Amino acid sequence: DAAHVEGASRVVFVDCLIEGGPAQPDGASAMGGWGGDALE
């Protein structure tokens, strides 16, 4: 996951890119899968 905002935080993003990580490469796992979350 790229960003975690937790507890009682207040965050403002202006003109940003927030991008999660990729899933397992094709063929590396029999399950394939989800990529990471961008923002939690």
PDB file of all heavy atoms in Angstrom:
ATOM      1  N   ASP A   1       0.857  -1.182   0.000  1.00  0.00           N
ATOM      2  CA  ASP A   1       0.000   0.000   0.000  1.00  0.00           C
ATOM      3  C   ASP A   1       0.896   1.235   0.000  1.00  0.00           C
ATOM      4  O   ASP A   1       1.946   1.256   0.644  1.00  0.00           O
ATOM      5  CB  ASP A   1      -0.893   0.012   1.237  1.00  0.00           C
ATOM      6  CG  ASP A   1      -1.802  -1.213   1.308  1.00  0.00           C
ATOM      7  OD1 ASP A   1      -2.064  -1.829   0.252  1.00  0.00           O
ATOM      8  OD2 ASP A   1      -2.246  -1.545   2.417  1.00  0.00           O
ATOM      9  N   ALA A   2       0.461   2.299  -0.677  1.00  0.00           N
ATOM     10  CA  ALA A   2       1.287   3.504  -0.769  1.00  0.00           C
ATOM     11  C   ALA A   2       1.160   4.385   0.464  1.00  0.00           C
ATOM     12  O   ALA A   2       2.161   4.840   1.010  1.00  0.00           O
ATOM     13  CB  ALA A   2       0.927   4.294  -2.024  1.00  0.00           C
ATOM     14  N   ALA A   3      -0.072   4.673   0.911  1.00  0.00           N
ATOM     15  CA  ALA A   3      -0.256   5.643   1.997  1.00  0.00           C
ATOM     16  C   ALA A   3      -1.267   5.139   3.016  1.00  0.00           C
ATOM     17  O   ALA A   3      -2.326   4.628   2.657  1.00  0.00           O
ATOM     18  CB  ALA A   3      -0.710   6.978   1.423  1.00  0.00           C
ATOM     19  N   HIS A   4      -0.928   5.317   4.286  1.00  0.00           N
ATOM     20  CA  HIS A   4      -1.823   4.996   5.405  1.00  0.00           C
ATOM     21  C   HIS A   4      -2.031   6.266   6.215  1.00  0.00           C
ATOM     22  O   HIS A   4      -1.057   6.899   6.633  1.00  0.00           O
ATOM     23  CB  HIS A   4      -1.201   3.932   6.318  1.00  0.00           C
ATOM     24  CG  HIS A   4      -0.970   2.625   5.655  1.00  0.00           C
ATOM     25  ND1 HIS A   4      -1.893   1.622   5.661  1.00  0.00           N
ATOM     26  CD2 HIS A   4       0.089   2.168   4.951  1.00  0.00           C
ATOM     27  CE1 HIS A   4      -1.419   0.581   4.988  1.00  0.00           C
ATOM     28  NE2 HIS A   4      -0.221   0.894   4.540  1.00  0.00           N
ATOM     29  N   VAL A   5      -3.293   6.625   6.435  1.00  0.00           N
ATOM     30  CA  VAL A   5      -3.634   7.774   7.275  1.00  0.00           C
ATOM     31  C   VAL A   5      -4.431   7.199   8.431  1.00  0.00           C
ATOM     32  O   VAL A   5      -5.548   6.709   8.238  1.00  0.00           O
ATOM     33  CB  VAL A   5      -4.434   8.826   6.479  1.00  0.00           C
ATOM     34  CG1 VAL A   5      -4.802  10.005   7.370  1.00  0.00           C
ATOM     35  CG2 VAL A   5      -3.623   9.294   5.259  1.00  0.00           C
ATOM     36  N   GLU A   6      -3.856   7.241   9.641  1.00  0.00           N
ATOM     37  CA  GLU A   6      -4.418   6.495  10.763  1.00  0.00           C
ATOM     38  C   GLU A   6      -4.584   7.361  12.004  1.00  0.00           C
ATOM     39  O   GLU A   6      -4.055   8.463  12.089  1.00  0.00           O
ATOM     40  CB  GLU A   6      -3.502   5.308  11.087  1.00  0.00           C
ATOM     41  CG  GLU A   6      -3.300   4.372   9.910  1.00  0.00           C
ATOM     42  CD  GLU A   6      -2.275   3.276  10.171  1.00  0.00           C
ATOM     43  OE1 GLU A   6      -1.401   3.454  11.046  1.00  0.00           O
ATOM     44  OE2 GLU A   6      -2.365   2.248   9.506  1.00  0.00           O
ATOM     45  N   GLY A   7      -5.290   6.793  12.979  1.00  0.00           N
ATOM     46  CA  GLY A   7      -5.524   7.492  14.246  1.00  0.00           C
ATOM     47  C   GLY A   7      -6.546   8.593  14.036  1.00  0.00           C
ATOM     48  O   GLY A   7      -7.634   8.361  13.540  1.00  0.00           O
ATOM     49  N   ALA A   8      -6.158   9.804  14.392  1.00  0.00           N
ATOM     50  CA  ALA A   8      -7.025  10.974  14.201  1.00  0.00           C
ATOM     51  C   ALA A   8      -6.274  12.003  13.365  1.00  0.00           C
ATOM     52  O   ALA A   8      -6.138  13.161  13.742  1.00  0.00           O
ATOM     53  CB  ALA A   8      -7.444  11.549  15.547  1.00  0.00           C
ATOM     54  N   SER A   9      -5.759  11.581  12.221  1.00  0.00           N
ATOM     55  CA  SER A   9      -4.989  12.462  11.343  1.00  0.00           C
ATOM     56  C   SER A   9      -5.918  13.221  10.400  1.00  0.00           C
ATOM     57  O   SER A   9      -6.977  12.724  10.025  1.00  0.00           O
ATOM     58  CB  SER A   9      -3.991  11.651  10.510  1.00  0.00           C
ATOM     59  OG  SER A   9      -3.041  11.010  11.325  1.00  0.00           O
ATOM     60  N   ARG A  10      -5.477  14.423  10.013  1.00  0.00           N
ATOM     61  CA  ARG A  10      -6.156  15.195   8.964  1.00  0.00           C
ATOM     62  C   ARG A  10      -5.110  15.515   7.911  1.00  0.00           C
ATOM     63  O   ARG A  10      -4.138  16.205   8.191  1.00  0.00           O
ATOM     64  CB  ARG A  10      -6.756  16.480   9.525  1.00  0.00           C
ATOM     65  CG  ARG A  10      -7.903  16.211  10.485  1.00  0.00           C
ATOM     66  CD  ARG A  10      -8.617  17.474  10.910  1.00  0.00           C
ATOM     67  NE  ARG A  10      -7.689  18.394  11.566  1.00  0.00           N
ATOM     68  CZ  ARG A  10      -7.889  19.706  11.656  1.00  0.00           C
ATOM     69  NH1 ARG A  10      -8.968  20.248  11.131  1.00  0.00           N
ATOM     70  NH2 ARG A  10      -7.023  20.475  12.275  1.00  0.00           N
ATOM     71  N   VAL A  11      -5.330  14.983   6.689  1.00  0.00           N
ATOM     72  CA  VAL A  11      -4.346  15.128   5.622  1.00  0.00           C
ATOM     73  C   VAL A  11      -5.035  15.653   4.365  1.00  0.00           C
ATOM     74  O   VAL A  11      -6.111  15.185   3.995  1.00  0.00           O
ATOM     75  CB  VAL A  11      -3.645  13.781   5.319  1.00  0.00           C
ATOM     76  CG1 VAL A  11      -2.605  13.946   4.214  1.00  0.00           C
ATOM     77  CG2 VAL A  11      -2.989  13.226   6.577  1.00  0.00           C
ATOM     78  N   VAL A  12      -4.395  16.630   3.717  1.00  0.00           N
ATOM     79  CA  VAL A  12      -4.872  17.186   2.455  1.00  0.00           C
ATOM     80  C   VAL A  12      -3.815  16.907   1.396  1.00  0.00           C
ATOM     81  O   VAL A  12      -2.634  17.203   1.602  1.00  0.00           O
ATOM     82  CB  VAL A  12      -5.102  18.715   2.567  1.00  0.00           C
ATOM     83  CG1 VAL A  12      -5.510  19.297   1.224  1.00  0.00           C
ATOM     84  CG2 VAL A  12      -6.136  19.024   3.634  1.00  0.00           C
ATOM     85  N   PHE A  13      -4.227  16.321   0.266  1.00  0.00           N
ATOM     86  CA  PHE A  13      -3.343  16.073  -0.871  1.00  0.00           C
ATOM     87  C   PHE A  13      -3.761  17.021  -1.995  1.00  0.00           C
ATOM     88  O   PHE A  13      -4.929  17.027  -2.392  1.00  0.00           O
ATOM     89  CB  PHE A  13      -3.484  14.639  -1.382  1.00  0.00           C
ATOM     90  CG  PHE A  13      -3.011  13.579  -0.425  1.00  0.00           C
ATOM     91  CD1 PHE A  13      -3.890  12.975   0.460  1.00  0.00           C
ATOM     92  CD2 PHE A  13      -1.685  13.165  -0.426  1.00  0.00           C
ATOM     93  CE1 PHE A  13      -3.468  11.984   1.331  1.00  0.00           C
ATOM     94  CE2 PHE A  13      -1.252  12.158   0.438  1.00  0.00           C
ATOM     95  CZ  PHE A  13      -2.140  11.579   1.314  1.00  0.00           C
ATOM     96  N   VAL A  14      -2.807  17.810  -2.517  1.00  0.00           N
ATOM     97  CA  VAL A  14      -3.085  18.757  -3.594  1.00  0.00           C
ATOM     98  C   VAL A  14      -2.125  18.478  -4.750  1.00  0.00           C
ATOM     99  O   VAL A  14      -0.899  18.528  -4.570  1.00  0.00           O
ATOM    100  CB  VAL A  14      -2.916  20.222  -3.116  1.00  0.00           C
ATOM    101  CG1 VAL A  14      -3.201  21.191  -4.258  1.00  0.00           C
ATOM    102  CG2 VAL A  14      -3.815  20.507  -1.921  1.00  0.00           C
ATOM    103  N   ASP A  15      -2.667  18.161  -5.922  1.00  0.00           N
ATOM    104  CA  ASP A  15      -1.869  17.892  -7.121  1.00  0.00           C
ATOM    105  C   ASP A  15      -0.804  16.818  -6.897  1.00  0.00           C
ATOM    106  O   ASP A  15       0.369  16.997  -7.217  1.00  0.00           O
ATOM    107  CB  ASP A  15      -1.209  19.184  -7.640  1.00  0.00           C
ATOM    108  CG  ASP A  15      -2.231  20.195  -8.111  1.00  0.00           C
ATOM    109  OD1 ASP A  15      -3.301  19.774  -8.586  1.00  0.00           O
ATOM    110  OD2 ASP A  15      -1.967  21.406  -7.991  1.00  0.00           O
ATOM    111  N   CYS A  16      -1.219  15.693  -6.336  1.00  0.00           N
ATOM    112  CA  CYS A  16      -0.311  14.587  -6.025  1.00  0.00           C
ATOM    113  C   CYS A  16      -0.656  13.344  -6.841  1.00  0.00           C
ATOM    114  O   CYS A  16      -1.735  13.243  -7.424  1.00  0.00           O
ATOM    115  CB  CYS A  16      -0.413  14.227  -4.538  1.00  0.00           C
ATOM    116  SG  CYS A  16       0.164  15.506  -3.410  1.00  0.00           S
ATOM    117  N   LEU A  17       0.262  12.385  -6.846  1.00  0.00           N
ATOM    118  CA  LEU A  17       0.031  11.040  -7.346  1.00  0.00           C
ATOM    119  C   LEU A  17       0.233  10.096  -6.172  1.00  0.00           C
ATOM    120  O   LEU A  17       1.281  10.138  -5.521  1.00  0.00           O
ATOM    121  CB  LEU A  17       1.010  10.677  -8.467  1.00  0.00           C
ATOM    122  CG  LEU A  17       1.042   9.201  -8.881  1.00  0.00           C
ATOM    123  CD1 LEU A  17      -0.293   8.781  -9.499  1.00  0.00           C
ATOM    124  CD2 LEU A  17       2.195   8.935  -9.827  1.00  0.00           C
ATOM    125  N   ILE A  18      -0.774   9.252  -5.899  1.00  0.00           N
ATOM    126  CA  ILE A  18      -0.683   8.236  -4.855  1.00  0.00           C
ATOM    127  C   ILE A  18      -0.943   6.903  -5.545  1.00  0.00           C
ATOM    128  O   ILE A  18      -2.023   6.696  -6.098  1.00  0.00           O
ATOM    129  CB  ILE A  18      -1.720   8.466  -3.741  1.00  0.00           C
ATOM    130  CG1 ILE A  18      -1.662   9.906  -3.239  1.00  0.00           C
ATOM    131  CG2 ILE A  18      -1.509   7.484  -2.603  1.00  0.00           C
ATOM    132  CD1 ILE A  18      -2.834  10.288  -2.356  1.00  0.00           C
ATOM    133  N   GLU A  19       0.048   6.005  -5.533  1.00  0.00           N
ATOM    134  CA  GLU A  19      -0.094   4.766  -6.307  1.00  0.00           C
ATOM    135  C   GLU A  19       0.442   3.563  -5.546  1.00  0.00           C
ATOM    136  O   GLU A  19       1.587   3.562  -5.088  1.00  0.00           O
ATOM    137  CB  GLU A  19       0.649   4.916  -7.633  1.00  0.00           C
ATOM    138  CG  GLU A  19       0.435   3.755  -8.576  1.00  0.00           C
ATOM    139  CD  GLU A  19       0.990   4.044  -9.948  1.00  0.00           C
ATOM    140  OE1 GLU A  19       2.046   4.687 -10.068  1.00  0.00           O
ATOM    141  OE2 GLU A  19       0.353   3.618 -10.916  1.00  0.00           O
ATOM    142  N   GLY A  20      -0.420   2.531  -5.427  1.00  0.00           N
ATOM    143  CA  GLY A  20      -0.049   1.287  -4.754  1.00  0.00           C
ATOM    144  C   GLY A  20       0.844   0.407  -5.611  1.00  0.00           C
ATOM    145  O   GLY A  20       0.996   0.621  -6.811  1.00  0.00           O
ATOM    146  N   GLY A  21       1.439  -0.601  -4.972  1.00  0.00           N
ATOM    147  CA  GLY A  21       2.348  -1.508  -5.653  1.00  0.00           C
ATOM    148  C   GLY A  21       1.619  -2.534  -6.508  1.00  0.00           C
ATOM    149  O   GLY A  21       0.425  -2.779  -6.342  1.00  0.00           O
ATOM    150  N   PRO A  22       2.321  -3.168  -7.424  1.00  0.00           N
ATOM    151  CA  PRO A  22       1.717  -4.153  -8.322  1.00  0.00           C
ATOM    152  C   PRO A  22       1.439  -5.477  -7.614  1.00  0.00           C
ATOM    153  O   PRO A  22       1.940  -5.727  -6.524  1.00  0.00           O
ATOM    154  CB  PRO A  22       2.795  -4.333  -9.399  1.00  0.00           C
ATOM    155  CG  PRO A  22       4.071  -4.088  -8.662  1.00  0.00           C
ATOM    156  CD  PRO A  22       3.759  -3.001  -7.663  1.00  0.00           C
ATOM    157  N   ALA A  23       0.641  -6.313  -8.266  1.00  0.00           N
ATOM    158  CA  ALA A  23       0.398  -7.668  -7.778  1.00  0.00           C
ATOM    159  C   ALA A  23       1.583  -8.560  -8.135  1.00  0.00           C
ATOM    160  O   ALA A  23       2.527  -8.125  -8.799  1.00  0.00           O
ATOM    161  CB  ALA A  23      -0.877  -8.222  -8.406  1.00  0.00           C
ATOM    162  N   GLN A  24       1.522  -9.814  -7.700  1.00  0.00           N
ATOM    163  CA  GLN A  24       2.542 -10.789  -8.093  1.00  0.00           C
ATOM    164  C   GLN A  24       2.645 -10.813  -9.612  1.00  0.00           C
ATOM    165  O   GLN A  24       1.632 -10.791 -10.300  1.00  0.00           O
ATOM    166  CB  GLN A  24       2.145 -12.196  -7.621  1.00  0.00           C
ATOM    167  CG  GLN A  24       2.298 -12.427  -6.156  1.00  0.00           C
ATOM    168  CD  GLN A  24       3.741 -12.725  -5.765  1.00  0.00           C
ATOM    169  OE1 GLN A  24       4.656 -12.679  -6.578  1.00  0.00           O
ATOM    170  NE2 GLN A  24       3.936 -13.006  -4.504  1.00  0.00           N
ATOM    171  N   PRO A  25       3.847 -10.871 -10.166  1.00  0.00           N
ATOM    172  CA  PRO A  25       3.986 -10.962 -11.620  1.00  0.00           C
ATOM    173  C   PRO A  25       3.310 -12.226 -12.145  1.00  0.00           C
ATOM    174  O   PRO A  25       3.276 -13.248 -11.460  1.00  0.00           O
ATOM    175  CB  PRO A  25       5.487 -11.025 -11.850  1.00  0.00           C
ATOM    176  CG  PRO A  25       6.099 -10.504 -10.600  1.00  0.00           C
ATOM    177  CD  PRO A  25       5.129 -10.813  -9.489  1.00  0.00           C
ATOM    178  N   ASP A  26       2.787 -12.152 -13.346  1.00  0.00           N
ATOM    179  CA  ASP A  26       2.138 -13.290 -13.975  1.00  0.00           C
ATOM    180  C   ASP A  26       3.104 -14.472 -13.997  1.00  0.00           C
ATOM    181  O   ASP A  26       4.248 -14.350 -14.399  1.00  0.00           O
ATOM    182  CB  ASP A  26       1.714 -12.928 -15.402  1.00  0.00           C
ATOM    183  CG  ASP A  26       0.835 -13.995 -16.008  1.00  0.00           C
ATOM    184  OD1 ASP A  26       0.130 -14.676 -15.244  1.00  0.00           O
ATOM    185  OD2 ASP A  26       0.856 -14.141 -17.234  1.00  0.00           O
ATOM    186  N   GLY A  27       2.634 -15.603 -13.505  1.00  0.00           N
ATOM    187  CA  GLY A  27       3.444 -16.807 -13.498  1.00  0.00           C
ATOM    188  C   GLY A  27       4.230 -17.004 -12.210  1.00  0.00           C
ATOM    189  O   GLY A  27       4.711 -18.076 -11.931  1.00  0.00           O
ATOM    190  N   ALA A  28       4.369 -15.941 -11.370  1.00  0.00           N
ATOM    191  CA  ALA A  28       5.115 -16.078 -10.118  1.00  0.00           C
ATOM    192  C   ALA A  28       4.273 -16.771  -9.062  1.00  0.00           C
ATOM    193  O   ALA A  28       4.780 -17.299  -8.100  1.00  0.00           O
ATOM    194  CB  ALA A  28       5.560 -14.713  -9.610  1.00  0.00           C
ATOM    195  N   SER A  29       2.962 -16.756  -9.245  1.00  0.00           N
ATOM    196  CA  SER A  29       2.054 -17.376  -8.284  1.00  0.00           C
ATOM    197  C   SER A  29       0.886 -17.966  -9.052  1.00  0.00           C
ATOM    198  O   SER A  29       0.410 -17.372 -10.012  1.00  0.00           O
ATOM    199  CB  SER A  29       1.545 -16.309  -7.299  1.00  0.00           C
ATOM    200  OG  SER A  29       0.440 -16.804  -6.589  1.00  0.00           O
ATOM    201  N   ALA A  30       0.414 -19.102  -8.602  1.00  0.00           N
ATOM    202  CA  ALA A  30      -0.750 -19.700  -9.255  1.00  0.00           C
ATOM    203  C   ALA A  30      -2.007 -18.889  -8.981  1.00  0.00           C
ATOM    204  O   ALA A  30      -3.018 -19.081  -9.632  1.00  0.00           O
ATOM    205  CB  ALA A  30      -0.938 -21.133  -8.755  1.00  0.00           C
ATOM    206  N   MET A  31      -1.948 -17.967  -8.031  1.00  0.00           N
ATOM    207  CA  MET A  31      -3.127 -17.202  -7.645  1.00  0.00           C
ATOM    208  C   MET A  31      -3.212 -15.835  -8.307  1.00  0.00           C
ATOM    209  O   MET A  31      -4.230 -15.176  -8.216  1.00  0.00           O
ATOM    210  CB  MET A  31      -3.162 -17.022  -6.120  1.00  0.00           C
ATOM    211  CG  MET A  31      -3.307 -18.331  -5.371  1.00  0.00           C
ATOM    212  SD  MET A  31      -4.762 -19.274  -5.874  1.00  0.00           S
ATOM    213  CE  MET A  31      -6.055 -18.217  -5.272  1.00  0.00           C
ATOM    214  N   GLY A  32      -2.155 -15.326  -8.929  1.00  0.00           N
ATOM    215  CA  GLY A  32      -2.212 -13.966  -9.450  1.00  0.00           C
ATOM    216  C   GLY A  32      -2.424 -13.030  -8.289  1.00  0.00           C
ATOM    217  O   GLY A  32      -1.815 -13.186  -7.252  1.00  0.00           O
ATOM    218  N   GLY A  33      -3.322 -12.065  -8.387  1.00  0.00           N
ATOM    219  CA  GLY A  33      -3.660 -11.297  -7.199  1.00  0.00           C
ATOM    220  C   GLY A  33      -3.926  -9.843  -7.412  1.00  0.00           C
ATOM    221  O   GLY A  33      -3.904  -9.328  -8.520  1.00  0.00           O
ATOM    222  N   TRP A  34      -4.215  -9.198  -6.284  1.00  0.00           N
ATOM    223  CA  TRP A  34      -4.497  -7.768  -6.234  1.00  0.00           C
ATOM    224  C   TRP A  34      -3.201  -6.993  -6.118  1.00  0.00           C
ATOM    225  O   TRP A  34      -2.255  -7.434  -5.491  1.00  0.00           O
ATOM    226  CB  TRP A  34      -5.317  -7.449  -4.989  1.00  0.00           C
ATOM    227  CG  TRP A  34      -6.672  -8.050  -4.928  1.00  0.00           C
ATOM    228  CD1 TRP A  34      -7.033  -9.165  -4.234  1.00  0.00           C
ATOM    229  CD2 TRP A  34      -7.846  -7.576  -5.545  1.00  0.00           C
ATOM    230  NE1 TRP A  34      -8.361  -9.404  -4.385  1.00  0.00           N
ATOM    231  CE2 TRP A  34      -8.895  -8.436  -5.190  1.00  0.00           C
ATOM    232  CE3 TRP A  34      -8.122  -6.491  -6.366  1.00  0.00           C
ATOM    233  CZ2 TRP A  34     -10.192  -8.249  -5.631  1.00  0.00           C
ATOM    234  CZ3 TRP A  34      -9.414  -6.303  -6.799  1.00  0.00           C
ATOM    235  CH2 TRP A  34     -10.433  -7.178  -6.436  1.00  0.00           C
ATOM    236  N   GLY A  35      -3.210  -5.804  -6.648  1.00  0.00           N
ATOM    237  CA  GLY A  35      -2.129  -4.870  -6.360  1.00  0.00           C
ATOM    238  C   GLY A  35      -2.394  -4.219  -5.013  1.00  0.00           C
ATOM    239  O   GLY A  35      -3.436  -4.436  -4.392  1.00  0.00           O
ATOM    240  N   GLY A  36      -1.466  -3.422  -4.527  1.00  0.00           N
ATOM    241  CA  GLY A  36      -1.624  -2.748  -3.247  1.00  0.00           C
ATOM    242  C   GLY A  36      -2.588  -1.579  -3.327  1.00  0.00           C
ATOM    243  O   GLY A  36      -2.823  -1.011  -4.391  1.00  0.00           O
ATOM    244  N   ASP A  37      -3.143  -1.212  -2.177  1.00  0.00           N
ATOM    245  CA  ASP A  37      -4.015  -0.038  -2.105  1.00  0.00           C
ATOM    246  C   ASP A  37      -3.183   1.222  -2.303  1.00  0.00           C
ATOM    247  O   ASP A  37      -2.037   1.302  -1.884  1.00  0.00           O
ATOM    248  CB  ASP A  37      -4.690   0.057  -0.735  1.00  0.00           C
ATOM    249  CG  ASP A  37      -5.702  -1.053  -0.506  1.00  0.00           C
ATOM    250  OD1 ASP A  37      -6.237  -1.592  -1.490  1.00  0.00           O
ATOM    251  OD2 ASP A  37      -5.957  -1.372   0.668  1.00  0.00           O
ATOM    252  N   ALA A  38      -3.800   2.231  -2.891  1.00  0.00           N
ATOM    253  CA  ALA A  38      -3.137   3.522  -2.997  1.00  0.00           C
ATOM    254  C   ALA A  38      -3.230   4.260  -1.669  1.00  0.00           C
ATOM    255  O   ALA A  38      -2.248   4.777  -1.158  1.00  0.00           O
ATOM    256  CB  ALA A  38      -3.772   4.350  -4.109  1.00  0.00           C
ATOM    257  N   LEU A  39      -4.421   4.285  -1.072  1.00  0.00           N
ATOM    258  CA  LEU A  39      -4.651   5.091   0.119  1.00  0.00           C
ATOM    259  C   LEU A  39      -5.592   4.354   1.054  1.00  0.00           C
ATOM    260  O   LEU A  39      -6.680   3.954   0.662  1.00  0.00           O
ATOM    261  CB  LEU A  39      -5.263   6.433  -0.294  1.00  0.00           C
ATOM    262  CG  LEU A  39      -5.681   7.407   0.789  1.00  0.00           C
ATOM    263  CD1 LEU A  39      -4.489   7.838   1.631  1.00  0.00           C
ATOM    264  CD2 LEU A  39      -6.346   8.626   0.149  1.00  0.00           C
ATOM    265  N   GLU A  40      -5.170   4.188   2.300  1.00  0.00           N
ATOM    266  CA  GLU A  40      -6.007   3.558   3.316  1.00  0.00           C
ATOM    267  C   GLU A  40      -6.192   4.557   4.453  1.00  0.00           C
ATOM    268  O   GLU A  40      -5.216   5.076   5.007  1.00  0.00           O
ATOM    269  CB  GLU A  40      -5.346   2.289   3.836  1.00  0.00           C
ATOM    270  CG  GLU A  40      -6.179   1.565   4.853  1.00  0.00           C
ATOM    271  CD  GLU A  40      -5.536   0.279   5.331  1.00  0.00           C
ATOM    272  OE1 GLU A  40      -4.573  -0.182   4.711  1.00  0.00           O
ATOM    273  OE2 GLU A  40      -6.015  -0.259   6.332  1.00  0.00           O
TER     274      GLU A  40
END
